[in-house]
């Protein structure tokens, strides 16, 4: 395996592991990471590079508030989701790099599911 492919495979494995840890980990409740909010990261080709998008899906019984950031855009973006709501958060537009490492932390105000 060439060094570049090995680095890419290692980076992809690290992003996947981070995604598993952040998506669905933790209990629900005030101030805790809400496992009832599902999310996925997408890198969409655009006119001048890739748009980094995180899609959030609130399966909680209450409003969820999520902080979304990434390695390319570390300033968190706050999103409030009603129960059953799906939202897209664009963290970076026109990135020369397709890869992104999102960070998503969601809380549920009143327990949730």
Protein backbone atom coordinates (compact mmCIF):
# COMPACT_ATOMS: atom_id res chain seq x y z
CA UNK A 1 0.00 0.00 0.00
CA UNK A 2 1.43 3.40 -0.94
CA UNK A 3 2.07 5.92 1.87
CA UNK A 4 -0.67 8.27 0.59
CA UNK A 5 -3.29 5.54 0.45
CA UNK A 6 -2.25 4.36 3.91
CA UNK A 7 -2.61 7.91 5.30
CA UNK A 8 -6.00 8.30 3.61
CA UNK A 9 -7.21 4.96 5.00
CA UNK A 10 -5.98 5.89 8.48
CA UNK A 11 -7.71 9.29 8.31
CA UNK A 12 -10.95 7.71 7.07
CA UNK A 13 -10.87 5.18 9.92
CA UNK A 14 -10.31 7.98 12.45
CA UNK A 15 -13.25 9.99 11.07
CA UNK A 16 -15.48 6.91 11.13
CA UNK A 17 -14.51 6.14 14.72
CA UNK A 18 -15.14 9.74 15.77
CA UNK A 19 -18.54 9.66 14.04
CA UNK A 20 -19.54 6.50 15.90
CA UNK A 21 -18.48 8.00 19.21
CA UNK A 22 -20.32 11.28 18.66
CA UNK A 23 -23.42 10.00 16.88
CA UNK A 24 -25.59 8.05 19.25
CA UNK A 25 -23.25 8.00 22.21
CA UNK A 26 -24.50 9.20 25.56
CA UNK A 27 -27.78 9.31 27.41
CA UNK A 28 -30.60 11.75 26.83
CA UNK A 29 -31.48 14.46 29.29
CA UNK A 30 -30.76 18.08 30.09
CA UNK A 31 -27.14 18.93 29.44
CA UNK A 32 -26.20 15.49 28.06
CA UNK A 33 -25.45 14.38 24.51
CA UNK A 34 -28.76 13.36 22.92
CA UNK A 35 -28.60 9.96 21.25
CA UNK A 36 -32.06 10.54 19.75
CA UNK A 37 -30.60 13.04 17.26
CA UNK A 38 -29.16 11.24 14.25
CA UNK A 39 -26.73 12.97 11.93
CA UNK A 40 -24.57 12.34 8.90
CA UNK A 41 -21.86 14.31 7.14
CA UNK A 42 -21.89 14.94 3.40
CA UNK A 43 -19.28 16.50 1.14
CA UNK A 44 -21.06 17.88 -1.91
CA UNK A 45 -19.20 18.97 -5.04
CA UNK A 46 -19.86 22.59 -5.95
CA UNK A 47 -18.64 25.06 -8.52
CA UNK A 48 -15.43 25.94 -6.65
CA UNK A 49 -14.80 22.95 -4.41
CA UNK A 50 -16.77 20.93 -1.88
CA UNK A 51 -19.52 22.10 0.43
CA UNK A 52 -19.34 20.41 3.83
CA UNK A 53 -22.86 19.69 5.09
CA UNK A 54 -24.12 18.00 8.26
CA UNK A 55 -27.69 16.65 8.13
CA UNK A 56 -29.45 16.49 11.52
CA UNK A 57 -32.59 14.42 12.21
CA UNK A 58 -34.35 14.92 15.57
CA UNK A 59 -36.02 11.69 16.76
CA UNK A 60 -36.44 13.12 20.27
CA UNK A 61 -39.79 13.89 21.90
CA UNK A 62 -38.57 17.41 22.70
CA UNK A 63 -36.66 20.28 21.12
CA UNK A 64 -32.98 19.50 20.57
CA UNK A 65 -30.25 22.13 20.38
CA UNK A 66 -27.12 21.08 18.48
CA UNK A 67 -23.68 22.61 18.17
CA UNK A 68 -22.15 21.69 14.80
CA UNK A 69 -18.54 22.31 13.76
CA UNK A 70 -15.75 20.57 11.86
CA UNK A 71 -12.01 20.47 11.49
CA UNK A 72 -12.30 22.87 8.53
CA UNK A 73 -14.71 25.22 10.35
CA UNK A 74 -14.12 25.03 14.12
CA UNK A 75 -16.51 27.84 15.11
CA UNK A 76 -19.70 26.07 16.29
CA UNK A 77 -23.02 26.72 14.59
CA UNK A 78 -26.06 26.41 16.88
CA UNK A 79 -29.20 24.79 15.48
CA UNK A 80 -32.52 24.25 17.25
CA UNK A 81 -34.63 21.31 16.02
CA UNK A 82 -38.28 20.65 16.77
CA UNK A 83 -39.29 17.00 17.34
CA UNK A 84 -39.25 15.19 13.98
CA UNK A 85 -37.43 18.03 12.23
CA UNK A 86 -34.60 17.45 9.74
CA UNK A 87 -32.12 20.27 9.09
CA UNK A 88 -28.98 20.75 7.03
CA UNK A 89 -26.04 22.78 8.33
CA UNK A 90 -23.39 23.92 5.88
CA UNK A 91 -20.14 24.26 7.81
CA UNK A 92 -17.86 25.17 4.90
CA UNK A 93 -18.41 26.20 1.26
CA UNK A 94 -15.88 25.74 -1.53
CA UNK A 95 -13.40 23.59 0.33
CA UNK A 96 -10.55 22.23 -1.78
CA UNK A 97 -10.67 19.10 0.37
CA UNK A 98 -13.51 16.59 0.20
CA UNK A 99 -12.75 15.11 3.63
CA UNK A 100 -14.20 16.61 6.78
CA UNK A 101 -14.28 15.62 10.44
CA UNK A 102 -17.57 16.91 11.90
CA UNK A 103 -18.23 17.48 15.59
CA UNK A 104 -21.90 17.35 16.62
CA UNK A 105 -23.08 17.79 20.22
CA UNK A 106 -26.83 17.88 20.88
CA UNK A 107 -28.78 18.45 24.06
CA UNK A 108 -32.47 17.99 24.81
CA UNK A 109 -34.08 20.54 27.10
CA UNK A 110 -36.60 18.31 28.87
CA UNK A 111 -35.41 14.72 28.83
CA UNK A 112 -36.38 13.66 25.35
CA UNK A 113 -36.50 10.04 24.29
